[in-house]
C-alpha atoms as a PDB file:
ATOM      1  CA  MET A   1       2.362  51.807 -12.198  1.00  0.00           C
ATOM      2  CA  SER A   2       4.815  50.617  -9.825  1.00  0.00           C
ATOM      3  CA  ASN A   3       7.356  48.028 -11.009  1.00  0.00           C
ATOM      4  CA  TYR A   4       6.809  46.057  -7.747  1.00  0.00           C
ATOM      5  CA  ARG A   5       3.794  44.881  -5.778  1.00  0.00           C
ATOM      6  CA  VAL A   6       3.219  42.867  -2.541  1.00  0.00           C
ATOM      7  CA  CYS A   7       1.637  39.429  -2.886  1.00  0.00           C
ATOM      8  CA  THR A   8      -1.463  39.336  -0.859  1.00  0.00           C
ATOM      9  CA  GLY A   9      -1.347  35.584  -0.429  1.00  0.00           C
ATOM     10  CA  PRO A  10       0.329  33.445   1.959  1.00  0.00           C
ATOM     11  CA  CYS A  11       3.962  34.409   0.853  1.00  0.00           C
ATOM     12  CA  GLY A  12       3.435  38.079   1.344  1.00  0.00           C
ATOM     13  CA  LEU A  13       6.551  38.769  -0.708  1.00  0.00           C
ATOM     14  CA  LYS A  14       7.312  41.846  -2.678  1.00  0.00           C
ATOM     15  CA  LYS A  15       7.694  40.843  -6.361  1.00  0.00           C
ATOM     16  CA  GLU A  16       8.238  42.474  -9.859  1.00  0.00           C
ATOM     17  CA  THR A  17       5.006  43.102 -11.425  1.00  0.00           C
ATOM     18  CA  ASN A  18       5.402  41.111 -14.797  1.00  0.00           C
ATOM     19  CA  LYS A  19       3.775  37.959 -16.185  1.00  0.00           C
ATOM     20  CA  LYS A  20       6.561  35.869 -14.627  1.00  0.00           C
ATOM     21  CA  SER A  21       5.221  36.709 -11.043  1.00  0.00           C
ATOM     22  CA  PHE A  22       1.657  37.555 -11.527  1.00  0.00           C
ATOM     23  CA  TYR A  23      -1.487  36.693 -13.673  1.00  0.00           C
ATOM     24  CA  TRP A  24      -3.059  39.575 -15.783  1.00  0.00           C
ATOM     25  CA  SER A  25      -6.791  39.579 -15.647  1.00  0.00           C
ATOM     26  CA  GLU A  26      -8.241  40.829 -19.042  1.00  0.00           C
ATOM     27  CA  ARG A  27     -11.655  41.233 -17.288  1.00  0.00           C
ATOM     28  CA  ASP A  28     -10.467  43.560 -14.619  1.00  0.00           C
ATOM     29  CA  ASN A  29      -7.608  45.140 -16.742  1.00  0.00           C
ATOM     30  CA  ASN A  30      -5.273  44.593 -13.715  1.00  0.00           C
ATOM     31  CA  TRP A  31      -2.871  42.217 -12.245  1.00  0.00           C
ATOM     32  CA  TYR A  32      -4.185  39.639  -9.883  1.00  0.00           C
ATOM     33  CA  ALA A  33      -3.514  40.325  -6.180  1.00  0.00           C
ATOM     34  CA  ILE A  34      -1.784  37.167  -5.267  1.00  0.00           C
ATOM     35  CA  CYS A  35       1.457  35.936  -7.125  1.00  0.00           C
ATOM     36  CA  ILE A  36       1.480  32.903  -9.364  1.00  0.00           C
ATOM     37  CA  LEU A  37       3.028  30.648  -7.025  1.00  0.00           C
ATOM     38  CA  CYS A  38       0.439  31.284  -4.382  1.00  0.00           C
ATOM     39  CA  PHE A  39      -2.245  30.974  -7.083  1.00  0.00           C
ATOM     40  CA  ARG A  40      -1.028  27.500  -8.112  1.00  0.00           C
ATOM     41  CA  ASP A  41      -0.595  26.332  -4.440  1.00  0.00           C
ATOM     42  CA  ARG A  42      -4.203  27.305  -3.809  1.00  0.00           C
ATOM     43  CA  ASP A  43      -5.418  25.456  -6.915  1.00  0.00           C
ATOM     44  CA  ASN A  44      -3.425  22.530  -5.831  1.00  0.00           C
ATOM     45  CA  LYS A  45      -4.803  22.389  -2.367  1.00  0.00           C
ATOM     46  CA  THR A  46      -8.338  22.613  -3.746  1.00  0.00           C
ATOM     47  CA  SER A  47      -7.702  19.842  -6.264  1.00  0.00           C
ATOM     48  CA  LYS A  48      -6.383  17.550  -3.306  1.00  0.00           C
ATOM     49  CA  ILE A  49      -9.496  18.253  -1.195  1.00  0.00           C
ATOM     50  CA  LYS A  50     -11.626  17.173  -4.229  1.00  0.00           C
ATOM     51  CA  ARG A  51      -9.499  13.962  -4.789  1.00  0.00           C
ATOM     52  CA  LEU A  52      -9.790  13.116  -1.147  1.00  0.00           C
ATOM     53  CA  GLU A  53     -13.416  13.566  -1.105  1.00  0.00           C
ATOM     54  CA  THR A  54     -13.891  11.454  -4.245  1.00  0.00           C
ATOM     55  CA  LYS A  55     -11.904   8.690  -2.697  1.00  0.00           C
ATOM     56  CA  LYS A  56     -13.904   8.804   0.495  1.00  0.00           C
ATOM     57  CA  GLN A  57     -17.180   8.622  -1.360  1.00  0.00           C
ATOM     58  CA  ALA A  58     -15.847   5.509  -3.403  1.00  0.00           C
ATOM     59  CA  ILE A  59     -14.417   3.767  -0.443  1.00  0.00           C
ATOM     60  CA  ASN A  60     -17.900   4.288   1.343  1.00  0.00           C
ATOM     61  CA  ILE A  61     -19.659   2.770  -1.576  1.00  0.00           C
ATOM     62  CA  CYS A  62     -17.281  -0.317  -1.623  1.00  0.00           C
ATOM     63  CA  GLY A  63     -17.684  -0.893   2.161  1.00  0.00           C
ATOM     64  CA  GLY A  64     -16.273   2.017   4.205  1.00  0.00           C
ATOM     65  CA  VAL A  65     -13.679   0.003   6.008  1.00  0.00           C
ATOM     66  CA  CYS A  66     -11.294  -2.928   5.271  1.00  0.00           C
ATOM     67  CA  GLY A  67     -13.444  -5.807   4.358  1.00  0.00           C
ATOM     68  CA  CYS A  68     -10.895  -8.193   6.145  1.00  0.00           C
ATOM     69  CA  CYS A  69      -9.448  -6.504   9.241  1.00  0.00           C
ATOM     70  CA  VAL A  70     -11.951  -3.607   9.623  1.00  0.00           C
ATOM     71  CA  GLU A  71      -9.122  -0.944   9.432  1.00  0.00           C
ATOM     72  CA  ASN A  72     -10.962   2.595   8.961  1.00  0.00           C
ATOM     73  CA  ILE A  73      -8.263   5.147   8.343  1.00  0.00           C
ATOM     74  CA  LEU A  74      -8.879   6.633   4.954  1.00  0.00           C
ATOM     75  CA  ASP A  75      -5.343   6.892   3.887  1.00  0.00           C
ATOM     76  CA  PHE A  76      -4.771   3.117   4.588  1.00  0.00           C
ATOM     77  CA  LEU A  77      -7.841   1.952   2.333  1.00  0.00           C
ATOM     78  CA  THR A  78      -7.769   0.969  -1.432  1.00  0.00           C
ATOM     79  CA  ILE A  79     -10.346  -0.549  -3.723  1.00  0.00           C
ATOM     80  CA  ASP A  80      -9.896  -4.420  -4.332  1.00  0.00           C
ATOM     81  CA  HIS A  81     -11.213  -6.449  -7.325  1.00  0.00           C
ATOM     82  CA  ILE A  82     -12.736  -9.363  -5.462  1.00  0.00           C
ATOM     83  CA  ASN A  83     -12.297 -11.712  -8.404  1.00  0.00           C
ATOM     84  CA  GLY A  84      -9.041 -10.154  -9.601  1.00  0.00           C
ATOM     85  CA  GLY A  85      -8.421  -8.251 -12.889  1.00  0.00           C
ATOM     86  CA  GLY A  86      -7.522  -4.840 -11.459  1.00  0.00           C
ATOM     87  CA  ARG A  87      -4.302  -4.441 -13.752  1.00  0.00           C
ATOM     88  CA  ALA A  88      -6.470  -5.734 -16.785  1.00  0.00           C
ATOM     89  CA  GLU A  89      -8.777  -2.877 -16.267  1.00  0.00           C
ATOM     90  CA  GLY A  90      -6.285  -0.461 -16.479  1.00  0.00           C
ATOM     91  CA  LEU A  91      -7.808   2.351 -14.536  1.00  0.00           C
ATOM     92  CA  SER A  92      -5.579   4.420 -12.200  1.00  0.00           C
ATOM     93  CA  SER A  93      -6.759   4.767  -8.532  1.00  0.00           C
ATOM     94  CA  MET A  94      -8.033   8.338  -9.144  1.00  0.00           C
ATOM     95  CA  ASP A  95      -9.877   7.226 -12.215  1.00  0.00           C
ATOM     96  CA  MET A  96     -11.324   4.318 -10.450  1.00  0.00           C
ATOM     97  CA  HIS A  97     -12.528   6.402  -7.615  1.00  0.00           C
ATOM     98  CA  LYS A  98     -14.238   8.747  -9.982  1.00  0.00           C
ATOM     99  CA  ALA A  99     -15.924   5.909 -12.015  1.00  0.00           C
ATOM    100  CA  ILE A 100     -17.371   4.593  -8.673  1.00  0.00           C
ATOM    101  CA  PHE A 101     -18.461   7.900  -7.229  1.00  0.00           C
ATOM    102  CA  ASN A 102     -20.180   8.959 -10.603  1.00  0.00           C
ATOM    103  CA  GLY A 103     -21.879   5.546 -11.021  1.00  0.00           C
ATOM    104  CA  ALA A 104     -19.924   4.649 -14.249  1.00  0.00           C
ATOM    105  CA  ARG A 105     -18.347   1.621 -12.538  1.00  0.00           C
ATOM    106  CA  ASP A 106     -20.459  -0.946 -10.775  1.00  0.00           C
ATOM    107  CA  ALA A 107     -19.115  -1.862  -7.486  1.00  0.00           C
ATOM    108  CA  LYS A 108     -20.605  -5.319  -6.882  1.00  0.00           C
ATOM    109  CA  ASP A 109     -17.339  -6.905  -7.714  1.00  0.00           C
ATOM    110  CA  LEU A 110     -15.316  -4.619  -5.664  1.00  0.00           C
ATOM    111  CA  ARG A 111     -14.607  -4.001  -1.914  1.00  0.00           C
ATOM    112  CA  SER A 112     -12.457  -1.771   0.266  1.00  0.00           C
ATOM    113  CA  LEU A 113      -9.329  -3.226   1.836  1.00  0.00           C
ATOM    114  CA  CYS A 114      -6.508  -1.688   3.570  1.00  0.00           C
ATOM    115  CA  TYR A 115      -3.069  -2.090   1.835  1.00  0.00           C
ATOM    116  CA  ASN A 116      -1.859  -4.767   4.182  1.00  0.00           C
ATOM    117  CA  CYS A 117      -4.541  -7.037   3.376  1.00  0.00           C
ATOM    118  CA  ASN A 118      -4.818  -6.144  -0.206  1.00  0.00           C
ATOM    119  CA  CYS A 119      -1.020  -6.503  -0.845  1.00  0.00           C
ATOM    120  CA  SER A 120      -0.543  -9.863   1.148  1.00  0.00           C
ATOM    121  CA  ARG A 121      -3.189 -11.191  -1.148  1.00  0.00           C
ATOM    122  CA  GLY A 122      -1.734 -10.101  -4.278  1.00  0.00           C
ATOM    123  CA  MET A 123       1.796 -11.278  -3.159  1.00  0.00           C
ATOM    124  CA  TYR A 124       0.897 -14.561  -1.593  1.00  0.00           C
ATOM    125  CA  GLY A 125      -2.682 -15.361  -2.476  1.00  0.00           C
ATOM    126  CA  PHE A 126      -4.081 -14.962   1.129  1.00  0.00           C
ATOM    127  CA  CYS A 127      -4.044 -12.838   3.979  1.00  0.00           C
ATOM    128  CA  PRO A 128      -3.079 -13.780   7.426  1.00  0.00           C
ATOM    129  CA  HIS A 129      -6.229 -12.536   9.110  1.00  0.00           C
ATOM    130  CA  GLU A 130      -7.900 -15.298   7.521  1.00  0.00           C
ATOM    131  CA  PHE A 131      -6.145 -17.750   9.821  1.00  0.00           C
ATOM    132  CA  ALA A 132      -6.524 -15.861  13.134  1.00  0.00           C
ATOM    133  CA  ASP A 133      -9.257 -18.185  14.470  1.00  0.00           C
ATOM    134  CA  ILE A 134      -7.714 -21.588  13.470  1.00  0.00           C
ATOM    135  CA  SER A 135      -6.645 -23.215  16.622  1.00  0.00           C
ATOM    136  CA  ASP A 136      -4.454 -26.157  15.341  1.00  0.00           C
ATOM    137  CA  LYS A 137      -1.075 -24.709  14.646  1.00  0.00           C
ATOM    138  CA  ASN A 138       0.785 -28.111  14.277  1.00  0.00           C
ATOM    139  CA  ASN A 139      -0.743 -29.193  10.917  1.00  0.00           C
ATOM    140  CA  CYS A 140      -1.420 -27.615   7.738  1.00  0.00           C
ATOM    141  CA  PHE A 141      -5.017 -26.510   7.522  1.00  0.00           C
ATOM    142  CA  VAL A 142      -5.545 -27.431   4.062  1.00  0.00           C
ATOM    143  CA  CYS A 143      -3.839 -31.000   3.637  1.00  0.00           C
ATOM    144  CA  GLY A 144      -3.577 -31.744   7.407  1.00  0.00           C
ATOM    145  CA  ASN A 145       0.177 -32.786   7.117  1.00  0.00           C
ATOM    146  CA  ILE A 146       2.525 -32.045  10.111  1.00  0.00           C
ATOM    147  CA  LEU A 147       4.378 -28.747   9.864  1.00  0.00           C
ATOM    148  CA  ILE A 148       8.038 -28.949  10.372  1.00  0.00           C
ATOM    149  CA  GLU A 149      10.031 -25.603   9.864  1.00  0.00           C
ATOM    150  CA  ARG A 150      12.593 -25.176   7.214  1.00  0.00           C
ATOM    151  CA  ILE A 151      16.092 -23.761   8.229  1.00  0.00           C
ATOM    152  CA  ILE A 152      17.031 -20.688   6.035  1.00  0.00           C
ATOM    153  CA  GLY A 153      20.501 -21.062   4.526  1.00  0.00           C
ATOM    154  CA  LYS A 154      20.635 -24.835   4.723  1.00  0.00           C
ATOM    155  CA  LYS A 155      19.609 -27.681   2.672  1.00  0.00           C
ATOM    156  CA  ASN A 156      16.401 -29.029   3.942  1.00  0.00           C
ATOM    157  CA  PRO A 157      14.853 -32.527   3.586  1.00  0.00           C
ATOM    158  CA  LYS A 158      11.233 -32.517   1.824  1.00  0.00           C
ATOM    159  CA  THR A 159       9.603 -33.027   5.161  1.00  0.00           C
ATOM    160  CA  ASN A 160      10.682 -29.736   6.224  1.00  0.00           C
ATOM    161  CA  ASN A 161       7.651 -28.086   4.670  1.00  0.00           C
ATOM    162  CA  TYR A 162       6.868 -25.025   6.807  1.00  0.00           C
ATOM    163  CA  HIS A 163       8.621 -21.839   5.835  1.00  0.00           C
ATOM    164  CA  PRO A 164       9.519 -19.376   8.686  1.00  0.00           C
ATOM    165  CA  LEU A 165       7.906 -16.478   6.711  1.00  0.00           C
ATOM    166  CA  PHE A 166       4.598 -18.256   7.096  1.00  0.00           C
ATOM    167  CA  LYS A 167       5.323 -19.129  10.769  1.00  0.00           C
ATOM    168  CA  ARG A 168       6.076 -15.739  11.587  1.00  0.00           C
ATOM    169  CA  SER A 169       2.995 -14.458   9.956  1.00  0.00           C
ATOM    170  CA  GLY A 170       0.804 -16.828  12.015  1.00  0.00           C
ATOM    171  CA  ILE A 171      -0.326 -18.950   9.015  1.00  0.00           C
ATOM    172  CA  ASN A 172      -0.225 -22.760   9.376  1.00  0.00           C
ATOM    173  CA  ILE A 173       0.052 -23.692   5.734  1.00  0.00           C
ATOM    174  CA  CYS A 174       2.801 -25.877   4.022  1.00  0.00           C
ATOM    175  CA  LEU A 175       4.778 -24.828   0.970  1.00  0.00           C
ATOM    176  CA  GLY A 176       2.941 -27.157  -1.253  1.00  0.00           C
ATOM    177  CA  CYS A 177      -0.575 -25.908  -0.452  1.00  0.00           C
ATOM    178  CA  SER A 178       0.749 -22.319  -0.600  1.00  0.00           C
ATOM    179  CA  LEU A 179       1.239 -22.907  -4.415  1.00  0.00           C
ATOM    180  CA  LYS A 180      -2.424 -23.931  -4.832  1.00  0.00           C
ATOM    181  CA  PRO A 181      -4.676 -21.666  -7.023  1.00  0.00           C
ATOM    182  CA  GLY A 182      -4.889 -18.269  -5.498  1.00  0.00           C
ATOM    183  CA  ALA A 183      -1.141 -17.917  -4.811  1.00  0.00           C
ATOM    184  CA  LYS A 184       0.782 -15.394  -6.903  1.00  0.00           C
ATOM    185  CA  GLY A 185       3.271 -16.917  -9.363  1.00  0.00           C
ATOM    186  CA  ASN A 186       3.348 -20.164 -11.196  1.00  0.00           C
ATOM    187  CA  TYR A 187       6.798 -21.431 -10.128  1.00  0.00           C
ATOM    188  CA  SER A 188       8.272 -24.642  -8.398  1.00  0.00           C
ATOM    189  CA  LEU A 189       8.099 -25.455  -4.616  1.00  0.00           C
ATOM    190  CA  GLU A 190      11.917 -24.773  -4.394  1.00  0.00           C
ATOM    191  CA  ASN A 191      11.685 -21.530  -6.329  1.00  0.00           C
ATOM    192  CA  ARG A 192       8.950 -20.455  -3.931  1.00  0.00           C
ATOM    193  CA  SER A 193      10.917 -21.373  -0.869  1.00  0.00           C
ATOM    194  CA  THR A 194      14.108 -19.536  -2.119  1.00  0.00           C
ATOM    195  CA  ARG A 195      12.083 -16.271  -2.810  1.00  0.00           C
ATOM    196  CA  LEU A 196      10.500 -16.493   0.585  1.00  0.00           C
ATOM    197  CA  SER A 197      13.851 -17.056   2.368  1.00  0.00           C
ATOM    198  CA  LEU A 198      15.389 -14.134   0.494  1.00  0.00           C
ATOM    199  CA  LYS A 199      12.452 -11.901   1.679  1.00  0.00           C
ATOM    200  CA  THR A 200      12.638 -13.418   5.248  1.00  0.00           C
ATOM    201  CA  LYS A 201      16.510 -12.611   5.488  1.00  0.00           C
ATOM    202  CA  VAL A 202      16.018  -9.019   4.486  1.00  0.00           C
ATOM    203  CA  ILE A 203      13.190  -8.621   6.828  1.00  0.00           C
ATOM    204  CA  ASN A 204      15.260 -10.011   9.806  1.00  0.00           C
ATOM    205  CA  GLY A 205      18.070  -7.678   8.607  1.00  0.00           C
ATOM    206  CA  TYR A 206      16.019  -4.562   8.972  1.00  0.00           C
ATOM    207  CA  GLY A 207      14.685  -5.489  12.497  1.00  0.00           C
ATOM    208  CA  GLY A 208      11.593  -7.718  11.685  1.00  0.00           C
ATOM    209  CA  LYS A 209       9.048  -5.096  12.397  1.00  0.00           C
ATOM    210  CA  CYS A 210       7.613  -1.854  10.689  1.00  0.00           C
ATOM    211  CA  GLU A 211       9.685   1.150  11.774  1.00  0.00           C
ATOM    212  CA  CYS A 212       6.672   3.383  11.862  1.00  0.00           C
ATOM    213  CA  CYS A 213       3.875   1.211  13.620  1.00  0.00           C
ATOM    214  CA  ASP A 214       5.883  -1.813  14.852  1.00  0.00           C
ATOM    215  CA  GLU A 215       3.524  -4.354  12.710  1.00  0.00           C
ATOM    216  CA  PRO A 216       5.354  -7.483  13.241  1.00  0.00           C
ATOM    217  CA  ASN A 217       3.569  -9.814  10.519  1.00  0.00           C
ATOM    218  CA  TYR A 218       6.099 -10.677   7.933  1.00  0.00           C
ATOM    219  CA  MET A 219       3.501 -10.803   5.094  1.00  0.00           C
ATOM    220  CA  PHE A 220       2.851  -7.252   5.909  1.00  0.00           C
ATOM    221  CA  LEU A 221       6.278  -5.931   5.606  1.00  0.00           C
ATOM    222  CA  THR A 222       8.223  -4.446   2.545  1.00  0.00           C
ATOM    223  CA  ILE A 223      11.180  -2.388   1.908  1.00  0.00           C
ATOM    224  CA  ASP A 224      10.654   1.536   1.689  1.00  0.00           C
ATOM    225  CA  HIS A 225      12.968   3.718  -0.290  1.00  0.00           C
ATOM    226  CA  ILE A 226      13.398   6.720   2.022  1.00  0.00           C
ATOM    227  CA  ASN A 227      14.287   9.048  -0.739  1.00  0.00           C
ATOM    228  CA  GLY A 228      12.521   7.401  -3.746  1.00  0.00           C
ATOM    229  CA  HIS A 229      13.036   4.520  -6.143  1.00  0.00           C
ATOM    230  CA  MET A 230      16.389   4.057  -7.788  1.00  0.00           C
ATOM    231  CA  GLY A 231      16.845   2.290 -11.172  1.00  0.00           C
ATOM    232  CA  VAL A 232      16.061  -1.395 -11.582  1.00  0.00           C
ATOM    233  CA  GLU A 233      14.909  -1.665  -7.902  1.00  0.00           C
ATOM    234  CA  LYS A 234      11.502  -0.206  -9.107  1.00  0.00           C
ATOM    235  CA  GLN A 235      10.883  -3.096 -11.585  1.00  0.00           C
ATOM    236  CA  ASN A 236      12.650  -6.032  -9.895  1.00  0.00           C
ATOM    237  CA  PRO A 237      12.106  -6.547  -6.190  1.00  0.00           C
ATOM    238  CA  ARG A 238      14.238  -9.694  -6.045  1.00  0.00           C
ATOM    239  CA  ALA A 239      17.078  -7.763  -7.577  1.00  0.00           C
ATOM    240  CA  LEU A 240      16.799  -5.170  -4.698  1.00  0.00           C
ATOM    241  CA  TYR A 241      16.575  -7.901  -1.935  1.00  0.00           C
ATOM    242  CA  LEU A 242      19.768  -9.530  -3.384  1.00  0.00           C
ATOM    243  CA  GLN A 243      21.552  -6.156  -3.347  1.00  0.00           C
ATOM    244  CA  LEU A 244      20.432  -5.359   0.178  1.00  0.00           C
ATOM    245  CA  ALA A 245      21.627  -8.917   1.507  1.00  0.00           C
ATOM    246  CA  ARG A 246      24.901  -8.508  -0.398  1.00  0.00           C
ATOM    247  CA  ASN A 247      25.642  -4.994   1.125  1.00  0.00           C
ATOM    248  CA  ASN A 248      24.647  -5.910   4.689  1.00  0.00           C
ATOM    249  CA  PHE A 249      21.336  -4.176   4.645  1.00  0.00           C
ATOM    250  CA  PRO A 250      22.196  -0.429   4.159  1.00  0.00           C
ATOM    251  CA  ARG A 251      20.034   2.052   5.978  1.00  0.00           C
ATOM    252  CA  ASP A 252      21.012   5.087   4.093  1.00  0.00           C
ATOM    253  CA  ASN A 253      18.060   4.918   1.688  1.00  0.00           C
ATOM    254  CA  PHE A 254      16.221   1.885   2.987  1.00  0.00           C
ATOM    255  CA  ARG A 255      13.942   1.017   5.963  1.00  0.00           C
ATOM    256  CA  LEU A 256      11.303  -1.626   6.629  1.00  0.00           C
ATOM    257  CA  LEU A 257       7.725  -0.614   6.725  1.00  0.00           C
ATOM    258  CA  CYS A 258       4.282  -2.373   6.496  1.00  0.00           C
ATOM    259  CA  TYR A 259       2.353  -2.019   3.380  1.00  0.00           C
ATOM    260  CA  ASN A 260      -0.162   0.452   5.197  1.00  0.00           C
ATOM    261  CA  CYS A 261       2.584   2.876   6.151  1.00  0.00           C
ATOM    262  CA  ASN A 262       4.483   2.676   2.953  1.00  0.00           C
ATOM    263  CA  CYS A 263       1.653   3.026   0.472  1.00  0.00           C
ATOM    264  CA  GLY A 264      -0.295   5.354   2.900  1.00  0.00           C
ATOM    265  CA  ARG A 265       2.726   7.703   2.487  1.00  0.00           C
ATOM    266  CA  GLY A 266       3.192   7.152  -1.159  1.00  0.00           C
ATOM    267  CA  HIS A 267      -0.363   6.997  -2.587  1.00  0.00           C
ATOM    268  CA  ASN A 268      -1.835   9.985  -0.693  1.00  0.00           C
ATOM    269  CA  GLY A 269       0.569  12.739  -1.292  1.00  0.00           C
ATOM    270  CA  SER A 270       1.411  13.105   2.355  1.00  0.00           C
ATOM    271  CA  ASP A 271       4.954  14.476   1.796  1.00  0.00           C
ATOM    272  CA  GLY A 272       6.676  11.656   3.487  1.00  0.00           C
ATOM    273  CA  VAL A 273       4.397  11.748   6.706  1.00  0.00           C
ATOM    274  CA  CYS A 274       2.698   8.361   7.457  1.00  0.00           C
ATOM    275  CA  PRO A 275      -1.007   8.651   8.046  1.00  0.00           C
ATOM    276  CA  HIS A 276      -0.486   7.460  11.656  1.00  0.00           C
ATOM    277  CA  LYS A 277       1.206  10.776  12.359  1.00  0.00           C
ATOM    278  CA  LYS A 278      -1.095  13.215  10.580  1.00  0.00           C
ATOM    279  CA  GLU A 279      -3.016  15.682  12.707  1.00  0.00           C
ATOM    280  CA  ASN A 280      -6.297  15.263  11.042  1.00  0.00           C
ATOM    281  CA  ILE A 281      -6.882  11.486  10.626  1.00  0.00           C
ATOM    282  CA  ILE A 282     -10.064  10.618   8.458  1.00  0.00           C
ATOM    283  CA  ARG A 283     -11.835   7.590   9.861  1.00  0.00           C
ATOM    284  CA  LEU A 284     -14.674   5.767   8.052  1.00  0.00           C
ATOM    285  CA  MET A 285     -17.769   3.686   9.196  1.00  0.00           C
ATOM    286  CA  PRO A 286     -18.599   0.446   7.723  1.00  0.00           C
ATOM    287  CA  ASN A 287     -21.152   0.242   4.942  1.00  0.00           C
ATOM    288  CA  SER A 288     -22.960  -3.034   5.707  1.00  0.00           C
ATOM    289  CA  ILE A 289     -24.180  -3.405   2.035  1.00  0.00           C
ATOM    290  CA  ASN A 290     -20.791  -3.738   0.474  1.00  0.00           C
ATOM    291  CA  ASN A 291     -18.563  -4.497   3.332  1.00  0.00           C
ATOM    292  CA  VAL A 292     -18.283  -8.390   2.953  1.00  0.00           C
ATOM    293  CA  SER A 293     -14.946  -9.830   4.027  1.00  0.00           C
ATOM    294  CA  ALA A 294     -15.157 -12.851   1.620  1.00  0.00           C
ATOM    295  CA  ASN A 295     -12.518 -14.505   3.677  1.00  0.00           C
ATOM    296  CA  ILE A 296     -13.142 -18.092   2.918  1.00  0.00           C
ATOM    297  CA  LEU A 297     -10.204 -19.631   0.869  1.00  0.00           C
ATOM    298  CA  THR A 298     -10.808 -22.035  -1.883  1.00  0.00           C
ATOM    299  CA  PHE A 299      -7.888 -24.435  -2.555  1.00  0.00           C
END
């Protein structure tokens, strides 16, 4: 028996015939024709196809498209718990998709949303798309008070109740009403304003729009780590924003992306390629049974 053999897989390389390079088949009493690396790569591709198909079926069951903005690119879609409680349920995205697909998880309290709509709801308590049809832009749509824009970096009187981040997101809501039930966090109005001002400053420092798709809505924008997370930044976004502002917005490992482009790259194993730029884009059709936008806010 030759000490070397040529792999018949994609690599086509001549490799030493041993258990480090090839699997041994007890049934055939011979070495596999393809090397271990090509064999594993084939299995990984098969597994990825199965995961993608399971996600596709689960998303279809929960609506098929984003229940808020009707985004239909599969890589931009995720499962949203309409009444909250996603973290408490404790299932990973893959396990959730399997449970929905297999019928082990009832989808009545679930819907499909794009990452932009889902993350803005989780971060702020509402989505900018919900305000698109409100014509009165001068008054808070909740309490009716006149909206007066705050100035970032200066001490503002209490009458300056309209934060620039909300204005640049097309949302006519005052700071006080943004703290009503549904908004994330249970902190004071000044604390809320300080956090929003820091994020606005960072967004402005990185150009004010998604580097990939040019999305300009501030509530859909976030910082992306080009080469991956680093230390405390992963656990504490505020610490990251402070660091970026103090270092004059470095661009060696940071850029501004919308949640769709950021999560679409990170959650779908797309090797750093945004779903916008993929050759084969999977688009879904709406499922009228579960695709309920549920856009009405209750304050």
